N, C-alpha and C. Protein backbone atom coordinates (compact mmCIF):
# COMPACT_ATOMS: atom_id res chain seq x y z
N MET A 1 0.91 -1.08 -0.13
CA MET A 1 0.32 -0.06 0.01
C MET A 1 1.02 1.44 0.29
N GLU A 2 0.96 2.12 -0.74
CA GLU A 2 1.27 3.71 -0.83
C GLU A 2 1.16 4.15 0.17
N ASN A 3 2.43 4.86 0.79
CA ASN A 3 2.48 5.87 1.87
C ASN A 3 2.32 4.71 2.99
N PHE A 4 2.01 3.93 3.42
CA PHE A 4 2.27 3.02 4.21
C PHE A 4 3.71 2.21 4.87
N LYS A 5 4.00 2.02 5.90
CA LYS A 5 5.16 1.19 6.37
C LYS A 5 4.48 0.09 6.60
N GLU A 6 4.53 -1.33 6.03
CA GLU A 6 4.35 -2.39 6.61
C GLU A 6 5.30 -2.79 7.61
N ILE A 7 4.46 -3.74 8.46
CA ILE A 7 5.38 -4.26 9.85
C ILE A 7 4.33 -5.78 9.99
N TRP A 8 5.40 -6.74 10.57
CA TRP A 8 5.06 -7.81 10.53
C TRP A 8 5.29 -8.39 12.16
N THR A 9 4.14 -8.89 12.78
CA THR A 9 4.39 -9.20 13.92
C THR A 9 5.25 -10.74 14.45
N PRO A 10 5.84 -10.95 15.28
CA PRO A 10 5.92 -10.13 16.55
C PRO A 10 7.00 -8.75 15.97
N LEU A 11 6.98 -7.87 16.78
CA LEU A 11 7.85 -6.80 16.23
C LEU A 11 9.01 -6.77 17.32
N LYS A 12 9.69 -5.85 16.18
CA LYS A 12 11.44 -6.12 16.79
C LYS A 12 11.95 -4.63 17.20
N LYS A 13 12.75 -4.40 17.92
CA LYS A 13 13.58 -3.31 18.50
C LYS A 13 13.54 -2.25 17.26
N ASN A 14 13.83 -2.40 16.17
CA ASN A 14 14.38 -1.51 14.84
C ASN A 14 12.69 -1.46 14.36
N ASP A 15 11.92 -2.22 14.48
CA ASP A 15 10.59 -1.62 14.05
C ASP A 15 10.01 -0.64 14.59
N ILE A 16 10.03 -0.67 16.14
CA ILE A 16 9.57 0.41 16.86
C ILE A 16 10.39 1.78 16.60
N GLU A 17 11.89 1.69 16.58
CA GLU A 17 12.70 2.84 16.30
C GLU A 17 12.46 3.28 14.77
N SER A 18 11.77 2.66 14.18
CA SER A 18 11.54 3.42 12.89
C SER A 18 10.35 4.19 12.81
N LEU A 19 9.62 3.92 13.63
CA LEU A 19 8.07 4.89 13.67
C LEU A 19 8.35 6.56 14.45
N ASP A 20 7.40 7.15 14.00
CA ASP A 20 7.48 8.54 14.34
C ASP A 20 5.89 8.62 14.28
N VAL A 21 5.44 9.89 14.91
CA VAL A 21 4.31 10.17 15.15
C VAL A 21 3.72 10.49 13.75
N GLY A 22 2.70 10.24 13.38
CA GLY A 22 1.99 10.06 12.16
C GLY A 22 2.15 9.16 10.90
N ASP A 23 3.13 8.42 11.12
CA ASP A 23 3.23 7.48 10.13
C ASP A 23 2.03 6.16 10.12
N ARG A 24 1.88 6.12 9.16
CA ARG A 24 0.75 5.23 8.71
C ARG A 24 1.48 3.88 8.28
N ILE A 25 0.78 2.88 9.15
CA ILE A 25 1.11 1.39 9.14
C ILE A 25 0.29 0.15 8.80
N ILE A 26 0.66 -0.68 7.99
CA ILE A 26 -0.26 -1.85 7.93
C ILE A 26 0.38 -2.95 8.67
N LEU A 27 -0.28 -3.64 9.77
CA LEU A 27 0.09 -4.95 10.42
C LEU A 27 -0.13 -6.24 9.47
N HIS A 28 0.95 -6.94 9.73
CA HIS A 28 0.44 -8.33 9.37
C HIS A 28 1.05 -9.30 10.42
N GLY A 29 0.23 -10.29 10.90
CA GLY A 29 0.72 -11.00 12.14
C GLY A 29 -0.45 -11.63 12.86
N GLU A 30 -0.08 -11.41 14.10
CA GLU A 30 -1.13 -12.04 15.37
C GLU A 30 -1.09 -10.74 15.95
N ILE A 31 -2.29 -10.51 16.33
CA ILE A 31 -2.61 -9.16 17.66
C ILE A 31 -3.39 -9.97 18.57
N LEU A 32 -2.96 -9.61 19.93
CA LEU A 32 -3.76 -9.81 21.32
C LEU A 32 -4.67 -8.75 21.15
N THR A 33 -6.04 -8.97 21.80
CA THR A 33 -6.99 -8.15 22.08
C THR A 33 -7.24 -8.31 23.63
N GLY A 34 -7.89 -7.08 23.95
CA GLY A 34 -8.26 -7.12 25.70
C GLY A 34 -8.61 -5.77 25.78
N ARG A 35 -9.21 -5.46 26.82
CA ARG A 35 -9.87 -4.26 27.25
C ARG A 35 -10.10 -4.22 28.83
N ASP A 36 -11.06 -3.56 29.42
CA ASP A 36 -11.57 -3.09 30.54
C ASP A 36 -11.42 -4.54 31.97
N ALA A 37 -11.81 -5.88 31.17
CA ALA A 37 -11.72 -6.96 32.25
C ALA A 37 -10.50 -7.72 32.15
N ALA A 38 -9.90 -7.84 30.42
CA ALA A 38 -8.71 -8.88 30.23
C ALA A 38 -7.53 -8.43 30.81
N LEU A 39 -7.41 -7.14 30.30
CA LEU A 39 -5.85 -6.69 30.82
C LEU A 39 -5.78 -6.36 31.80
N PRO A 40 -6.39 -5.69 33.03
CA PRO A 40 -6.10 -5.87 34.42
C PRO A 40 -5.79 -7.24 34.93
N ARG A 41 -6.46 -8.30 34.38
CA ARG A 41 -6.32 -9.47 34.70
C ARG A 41 -4.73 -9.79 34.33
N LEU A 42 -4.48 -9.72 33.17
CA LEU A 42 -3.21 -10.30 32.67
C LEU A 42 -2.52 -9.40 33.36
N VAL A 43 -2.16 -8.12 33.73
CA VAL A 43 -1.11 -7.64 34.40
C VAL A 43 -1.10 -8.14 35.78
N LYS A 44 -1.99 -8.24 36.56
CA LYS A 44 -1.95 -9.23 37.81
C LYS A 44 -1.32 -10.47 37.77
N LEU A 45 -1.77 -11.17 36.86
CA LEU A 45 -1.01 -12.47 36.39
C LEU A 45 0.38 -12.19 36.17
N MET A 46 0.68 -11.35 35.23
CA MET A 46 2.16 -11.09 35.01
C MET A 46 3.02 -10.90 36.36
N GLU A 47 2.31 -9.90 37.15
CA GLU A 47 2.96 -9.16 38.21
C GLU A 47 3.09 -10.32 39.29
N SER A 48 2.38 -11.49 39.08
CA SER A 48 2.69 -12.71 40.14
C SER A 48 3.20 -13.94 39.60
N GLY A 49 4.23 -13.37 38.46
CA GLY A 49 5.12 -14.37 37.74
C GLY A 49 4.25 -15.63 36.99
N LYS A 50 3.00 -15.24 36.73
CA LYS A 50 2.20 -16.41 36.24
C LYS A 50 1.42 -16.30 34.66
N SER A 51 2.23 -15.15 34.13
CA SER A 51 1.46 -15.02 32.99
C SER A 51 1.09 -16.10 31.86
N PRO A 52 -0.20 -16.06 31.18
CA PRO A 52 -0.59 -17.27 30.52
C PRO A 52 0.49 -17.28 28.80
N LEU A 53 0.88 -15.99 28.64
CA LEU A 53 1.39 -15.74 27.24
C LEU A 53 3.15 -15.22 27.40
N ASN A 54 3.89 -15.33 26.23
CA ASN A 54 5.02 -14.84 26.23
C ASN A 54 4.74 -13.47 25.18
N LEU A 55 4.95 -12.20 26.03
CA LEU A 55 4.53 -10.81 25.15
C LEU A 55 5.50 -10.23 24.35
N GLU A 56 6.56 -10.88 24.47
CA GLU A 56 7.64 -10.31 23.55
C GLU A 56 7.50 -9.78 22.32
N GLY A 57 7.53 -8.75 21.75
CA GLY A 57 7.19 -8.19 20.36
C GLY A 57 5.82 -7.89 20.05
N ALA A 58 4.84 -8.52 21.04
CA ALA A 58 3.27 -8.54 20.99
C ALA A 58 2.71 -7.25 20.63
N VAL A 59 1.52 -7.15 19.96
CA VAL A 59 1.01 -5.97 19.66
C VAL A 59 -0.49 -6.55 20.27
N ILE A 60 -0.84 -5.33 21.20
CA ILE A 60 -2.42 -5.74 21.83
C ILE A 60 -3.15 -4.56 21.40
N MET A 61 -4.41 -4.65 20.87
CA MET A 61 -5.57 -4.17 20.49
C MET A 61 -6.45 -3.95 21.75
N HIS A 62 -6.73 -2.70 22.28
CA HIS A 62 -7.87 -2.51 23.18
C HIS A 62 -9.13 -2.55 22.55
N THR A 63 -9.42 -3.36 22.78
CA THR A 63 -10.78 -3.99 22.02
C THR A 63 -11.64 -5.47 22.51
N ALA A 64 -12.66 -5.53 22.48
CA ALA A 64 -13.40 -6.92 22.67
C ALA A 64 -13.59 -7.22 21.46
N VAL A 65 -14.25 -8.47 21.14
CA VAL A 65 -14.13 -9.16 19.85
C VAL A 65 -15.79 -10.06 20.15
N SER A 66 -16.31 -9.24 19.01
CA SER A 66 -18.08 -9.99 19.15
C SER A 66 -18.22 -10.18 17.53
N LEU A 67 -19.66 -10.63 17.43
CA LEU A 67 -20.40 -10.73 16.20
C LEU A 67 -20.35 -9.64 15.61
N ALA A 68 -20.30 -8.46 16.26
CA ALA A 68 -20.43 -6.97 15.52
C ALA A 68 -19.42 -6.71 14.96
N GLY A 69 -18.19 -7.44 15.36
CA GLY A 69 -16.84 -7.07 15.03
C GLY A 69 -15.79 -6.54 15.92
N ILE A 70 -14.80 -5.84 15.34
CA ILE A 70 -13.70 -5.25 16.22
C ILE A 70 -13.39 -3.51 16.06
N ALA A 71 -13.32 -2.89 17.32
CA ALA A 71 -13.11 -1.63 17.31
C ALA A 71 -12.30 -1.13 18.41
N PRO A 72 -11.63 -0.20 18.17
CA PRO A 72 -11.09 0.17 19.70
C PRO A 72 -11.64 0.96 20.47
N THR A 73 -11.45 0.42 21.77
CA THR A 73 -12.23 1.69 23.16
C THR A 73 -11.26 2.57 23.53
N SER A 74 -11.83 3.16 24.26
CA SER A 74 -10.82 4.35 24.77
C SER A 74 -9.82 3.59 25.80
N SER A 75 -8.23 4.11 25.09
CA SER A 75 -7.52 3.55 26.21
C SER A 75 -6.86 4.02 27.20
N ASN A 76 -7.72 5.28 27.42
CA ASN A 76 -7.18 6.11 28.34
C ASN A 76 -8.22 5.65 29.72
N LYS A 77 -8.90 4.88 29.55
CA LYS A 77 -9.80 4.35 30.81
C LYS A 77 -8.33 3.54 31.66
N THR A 78 -8.96 3.90 33.15
CA THR A 78 -8.01 3.88 33.92
C THR A 78 -7.55 2.03 33.68
N GLU A 79 -8.62 1.63 33.54
CA GLU A 79 -8.25 0.28 33.58
C GLU A 79 -7.38 -0.46 32.59
N ILE A 80 -7.45 0.29 31.60
CA ILE A 80 -6.81 -0.27 30.39
C ILE A 80 -5.27 0.94 30.41
N GLU A 81 -5.08 2.18 30.60
CA GLU A 81 -4.34 2.77 30.77
C GLU A 81 -2.97 2.45 31.87
N ASN A 82 -3.58 2.08 32.85
CA ASN A 82 -2.80 1.57 34.29
C ASN A 82 -2.17 0.26 33.64
N GLY A 83 -2.21 -0.38 32.67
CA GLY A 83 -1.56 -1.51 32.22
C GLY A 83 -0.66 -1.41 31.11
N ILE A 84 -0.84 -0.07 30.34
CA ILE A 84 0.21 0.13 29.36
C ILE A 84 1.54 -0.16 29.52
N ALA A 85 2.04 0.47 30.78
CA ALA A 85 3.60 0.51 30.97
C ALA A 85 3.73 -0.88 31.54
N PRO A 86 3.37 -1.84 32.45
CA PRO A 86 3.55 -3.21 32.65
C PRO A 86 3.72 -3.88 31.67
N LEU A 87 2.70 -3.86 30.75
CA LEU A 87 2.55 -4.48 29.56
C LEU A 87 3.82 -4.23 28.51
N SER A 88 3.86 -3.12 28.39
CA SER A 88 5.20 -2.62 27.65
C SER A 88 6.50 -3.17 28.57
N ALA A 89 6.60 -3.26 30.05
CA ALA A 89 7.76 -3.76 30.47
C ALA A 89 8.05 -5.32 29.99
N ALA A 90 7.09 -5.69 29.88
CA ALA A 90 6.82 -7.51 29.71
C ALA A 90 6.99 -7.63 28.33
N GLY A 91 7.36 -6.54 27.18
CA GLY A 91 7.47 -7.01 25.78
C GLY A 91 6.56 -6.61 24.85
N VAL A 92 5.35 -6.01 25.14
CA VAL A 92 4.60 -5.49 24.45
C VAL A 92 5.30 -4.25 23.61
N ARG A 93 5.16 -4.23 22.43
CA ARG A 93 5.88 -3.31 21.90
C ARG A 93 4.69 -2.21 20.88
N MET A 94 3.54 -2.29 20.66
CA MET A 94 2.37 -1.71 20.46
C MET A 94 1.14 -1.83 21.07
N HIS A 95 0.69 -0.79 21.17
CA HIS A 95 -0.77 -0.60 21.81
C HIS A 95 -1.69 -0.05 20.51
N ILE A 96 -2.48 -0.72 20.28
CA ILE A 96 -3.59 -0.11 19.47
C ILE A 96 -4.83 0.09 20.28
N GLY A 97 -5.50 1.61 20.19
CA GLY A 97 -6.57 1.91 20.68
C GLY A 97 -7.13 3.29 20.29
N LYS A 98 -7.80 4.11 21.15
CA LYS A 98 -8.04 5.45 20.82
C LYS A 98 -8.00 6.34 22.05
N GLY A 99 -7.83 7.57 21.78
CA GLY A 99 -7.87 8.51 23.01
C GLY A 99 -6.38 9.13 22.96
N ALA A 100 -6.42 10.08 23.87
CA ALA A 100 -5.09 10.65 24.08
C ALA A 100 -4.61 9.97 25.63
N LEU A 101 -3.43 9.60 25.66
CA LEU A 101 -2.87 9.13 26.74
C LEU A 101 -2.27 10.28 27.55
N SER A 102 -1.88 10.00 29.00
CA SER A 102 -1.24 10.78 29.84
C SER A 102 0.32 11.15 29.51
N LEU A 103 0.78 12.08 30.05
CA LEU A 103 2.13 12.29 29.81
C LEU A 103 3.04 11.44 30.44
N GLU A 104 2.66 10.80 31.55
CA GLU A 104 3.31 9.68 32.07
C GLU A 104 3.34 8.10 31.24
N THR A 105 2.20 8.09 30.65
CA THR A 105 2.09 7.01 29.80
C THR A 105 3.03 6.76 28.96
N ILE A 106 2.80 8.19 28.27
CA ILE A 106 3.75 8.71 26.88
C ILE A 106 5.46 8.36 27.33
N LYS A 107 5.92 8.88 28.50
CA LYS A 107 7.24 8.69 28.87
C LYS A 107 7.27 7.27 29.16
N MET A 108 6.48 6.45 29.93
CA MET A 108 6.76 4.81 29.84
C MET A 108 6.75 4.35 28.40
N LEU A 109 6.00 4.22 27.46
CA LEU A 109 6.48 3.83 26.27
C LEU A 109 7.74 3.89 25.71
N LYS A 110 8.10 5.21 25.69
CA LYS A 110 9.38 5.77 25.30
C LYS A 110 10.75 4.95 26.08
N ARG A 111 9.97 4.92 27.38
CA ARG A 111 11.25 4.13 28.41
C ARG A 111 10.99 2.40 27.94
N HIS A 112 10.13 2.09 27.53
CA HIS A 112 9.98 0.49 27.38
C HIS A 112 9.95 0.01 25.76
N ASN A 113 10.55 1.34 25.20
CA ASN A 113 10.57 0.89 23.56
C ASN A 113 9.30 0.38 22.82
N SER A 114 8.00 1.30 23.22
CA SER A 114 6.70 0.64 22.81
C SER A 114 6.24 1.82 22.28
N VAL A 115 5.29 2.07 21.48
CA VAL A 115 4.25 2.62 20.78
C VAL A 115 2.93 2.60 21.00
N PHE A 116 2.22 3.73 20.44
CA PHE A 116 0.56 3.54 21.00
C PHE A 116 0.16 3.89 19.51
N ALA A 117 -0.55 3.30 18.87
CA ALA A 117 -1.30 3.33 17.52
C ALA A 117 -2.97 3.59 17.51
N VAL A 118 -3.30 4.47 16.77
CA VAL A 118 -4.82 4.34 16.61
C VAL A 118 -5.49 3.88 15.10
N THR A 119 -6.53 3.63 15.17
CA THR A 119 -6.88 3.11 14.04
C THR A 119 -8.01 3.78 13.22
N PRO A 120 -8.32 3.91 11.93
CA PRO A 120 -9.08 4.54 11.48
C PRO A 120 -10.35 4.01 12.38
N PRO A 121 -11.56 5.18 12.23
CA PRO A 121 -13.13 4.64 13.07
C PRO A 121 -13.83 3.98 12.11
N ALA A 122 -13.41 2.61 12.05
CA ALA A 122 -14.38 1.89 11.05
C ALA A 122 -14.50 0.63 11.31
N ALA A 123 -15.21 0.20 12.42
CA ALA A 123 -15.11 -1.15 13.18
C ALA A 123 -15.40 -2.37 11.61
N ALA A 124 -15.94 -2.06 10.64
CA ALA A 124 -16.16 -2.86 9.38
C ALA A 124 -14.99 -3.42 8.96
N LEU A 125 -14.09 -1.99 8.61
CA LEU A 125 -12.94 -2.12 7.85
C LEU A 125 -12.03 -3.01 8.67
N LEU A 126 -11.96 -2.62 9.87
CA LEU A 126 -10.94 -3.62 10.91
C LEU A 126 -11.42 -5.16 10.99
N THR A 127 -12.49 -5.41 10.96
CA THR A 127 -13.20 -6.69 11.08
C THR A 127 -12.79 -7.53 9.60
N SER A 128 -12.72 -6.66 8.60
CA SER A 128 -12.66 -7.33 7.42
C SER A 128 -11.40 -7.56 7.29
N LYS A 129 -10.24 -7.10 8.45
CA LYS A 129 -8.80 -7.73 8.03
C LYS A 129 -8.45 -8.47 9.17
N MET A 130 -9.50 -9.54 9.66
CA MET A 130 -9.28 -10.55 10.68
C MET A 130 -9.40 -11.59 9.99
N VAL A 131 -8.10 -12.34 9.84
CA VAL A 131 -8.02 -13.81 9.17
C VAL A 131 -8.59 -14.97 10.00
N SER A 132 -8.38 -14.71 11.64
CA SER A 132 -9.04 -15.79 12.54
C SER A 132 -9.00 -15.10 13.63
N SER A 133 -9.58 -15.98 14.73
CA SER A 133 -9.71 -14.96 16.00
C SER A 133 -9.75 -16.52 16.89
N GLU A 134 -9.08 -16.46 17.78
CA GLU A 134 -9.10 -17.64 19.20
C GLU A 134 -9.15 -17.11 19.98
N VAL A 135 -9.89 -17.44 21.55
CA VAL A 135 -10.03 -16.78 22.59
C VAL A 135 -8.77 -18.01 23.34
N VAL A 136 -7.76 -17.03 23.96
CA VAL A 136 -6.37 -17.32 24.43
C VAL A 136 -6.61 -17.33 26.33
N ALA A 137 -7.46 -16.68 26.75
CA ALA A 137 -7.48 -16.59 27.93
C ALA A 137 -8.77 -15.84 28.47
N PHE A 138 -9.16 -16.29 29.85
CA PHE A 138 -10.30 -15.84 30.34
C PHE A 138 -11.77 -15.97 29.40
N HIS A 139 -11.83 -17.07 29.28
CA HIS A 139 -12.80 -17.65 28.72
C HIS A 139 -14.72 -16.77 28.94
N GLU A 140 -14.66 -17.00 30.43
CA GLU A 140 -15.75 -16.59 31.01
C GLU A 140 -15.79 -15.12 30.89
N GLU A 141 -14.80 -14.17 30.15
CA GLU A 141 -15.40 -12.73 29.52
C GLU A 141 -16.00 -12.89 28.64
N GLY A 142 -16.23 -13.82 28.03
CA GLY A 142 -16.95 -13.63 26.74
C GLY A 142 -16.45 -12.78 25.45
N MET A 143 -16.75 -11.58 25.10
CA MET A 143 -16.39 -11.00 24.07
C MET A 143 -15.26 -9.86 24.59
N GLU A 144 -15.11 -9.92 25.82
CA GLU A 144 -13.91 -9.41 26.64
C GLU A 144 -13.10 -10.01 26.87
N ALA A 145 -13.00 -11.25 26.73
CA ALA A 145 -11.73 -12.64 26.44
C ALA A 145 -10.55 -11.78 26.02
N LEU A 146 -9.20 -12.62 26.14
CA LEU A 146 -8.03 -12.42 25.84
C LEU A 146 -8.44 -13.19 24.47
N HIS A 147 -7.94 -12.70 23.34
CA HIS A 147 -8.29 -13.12 21.84
C HIS A 147 -6.80 -12.85 21.21
N LEU A 148 -6.73 -13.80 20.42
CA LEU A 148 -5.49 -14.09 19.67
C LEU A 148 -6.08 -13.69 18.22
N LEU A 149 -5.69 -12.80 17.65
CA LEU A 149 -6.32 -12.83 16.02
C LEU A 149 -4.93 -12.83 15.42
N GLU A 150 -5.45 -13.09 14.21
CA GLU A 150 -4.54 -13.20 12.75
C GLU A 150 -4.95 -12.24 11.77
N VAL A 151 -4.38 -11.16 11.47
CA VAL A 151 -4.56 -9.80 10.29
C VAL A 151 -4.04 -9.96 9.43
N LYS A 152 -4.69 -9.54 8.31
CA LYS A 152 -3.76 -8.98 6.93
C LYS A 152 -4.19 -7.73 6.45
N ASP A 153 -3.21 -6.90 6.25
CA ASP A 153 -3.50 -5.31 5.73
C ASP A 153 -4.21 -4.67 6.81
N PHE A 154 -3.79 -5.02 8.40
CA PHE A 154 -4.27 -3.97 9.23
C PHE A 154 -4.06 -2.92 9.40
N PRO A 155 -4.60 -1.51 9.21
CA PRO A 155 -4.24 -0.31 9.18
C PRO A 155 -4.33 0.58 10.66
N ALA A 156 -3.13 1.21 10.58
CA ALA A 156 -2.91 1.94 12.00
C ALA A 156 -2.55 3.11 11.80
N ILE A 157 -2.16 4.19 12.22
CA ILE A 157 -1.57 5.22 12.52
C ILE A 157 -0.68 5.43 14.02
N VAL A 158 0.57 5.52 13.77
CA VAL A 158 1.38 5.67 15.00
C VAL A 158 0.95 7.15 15.76
N ALA A 159 0.27 7.04 17.27
CA ALA A 159 -0.08 8.32 17.74
C ALA A 159 1.25 8.56 18.71
N VAL A 160 1.70 7.95 19.13
CA VAL A 160 2.79 8.18 20.52
C VAL A 160 4.02 7.19 19.77
N ALA A 161 5.19 7.91 19.89
CA ALA A 161 6.63 7.41 19.43
C ALA A 161 7.48 8.37 20.19
N ASN A 162 8.41 7.69 20.82
CA ASN A 162 10.00 8.52 20.92
C ASN A 162 9.39 9.76 22.04
N GLY A 163 8.30 9.52 22.92
CA GLY A 163 8.46 10.91 23.70
C GLY A 163 7.41 11.61 22.80
N LYS A 164 7.00 11.54 21.62
CA LYS A 164 5.78 12.22 21.48
C LYS A 164 4.22 12.08 21.08
N SER A 165 3.45 12.79 21.24
CA SER A 165 2.10 12.64 20.76
C SER A 165 1.53 13.35 19.81
N ILE A 166 0.54 12.47 19.11
CA ILE A 166 0.03 13.72 18.16
C ILE A 166 -1.53 14.06 18.89
N TYR A 167 -1.51 13.92 20.09
CA TYR A 167 -2.64 14.87 21.04
C TYR A 167 -2.25 15.89 21.59
């Protein structure tokens, strides 16, 4: 795609270092999903040394997965934003969501060599880029369980990188 950077998961350090605020990206590979219910539980398990997943190079999208599709939720909700720093420290290199993040979160993203990307506000477009979806943890949370998606040509825009923000 013209004027887009193509990136494959899992992300590597040089993938993140090459990104700047305003870059338009296309992701290929696997993306984890979670929001208000699953992400705090994942952080709690990580803190107790019982993470069910290896997060090195991971991408997490702040969304639920339902029959209606996928679209980002507000990433600056306390339940989600409080998990961005520990998830980044554990290896998550990209968070996908919506909304402005606090200056402290922006600093933590930079410290942990992670970025925050936003997607076009189009659930139908994002859903059409899903190749597959599998619940990988917290089944009882239903559409808010932790899902592993395989995506192809998944669009996003880098919103926070290298200590800078588009907000």
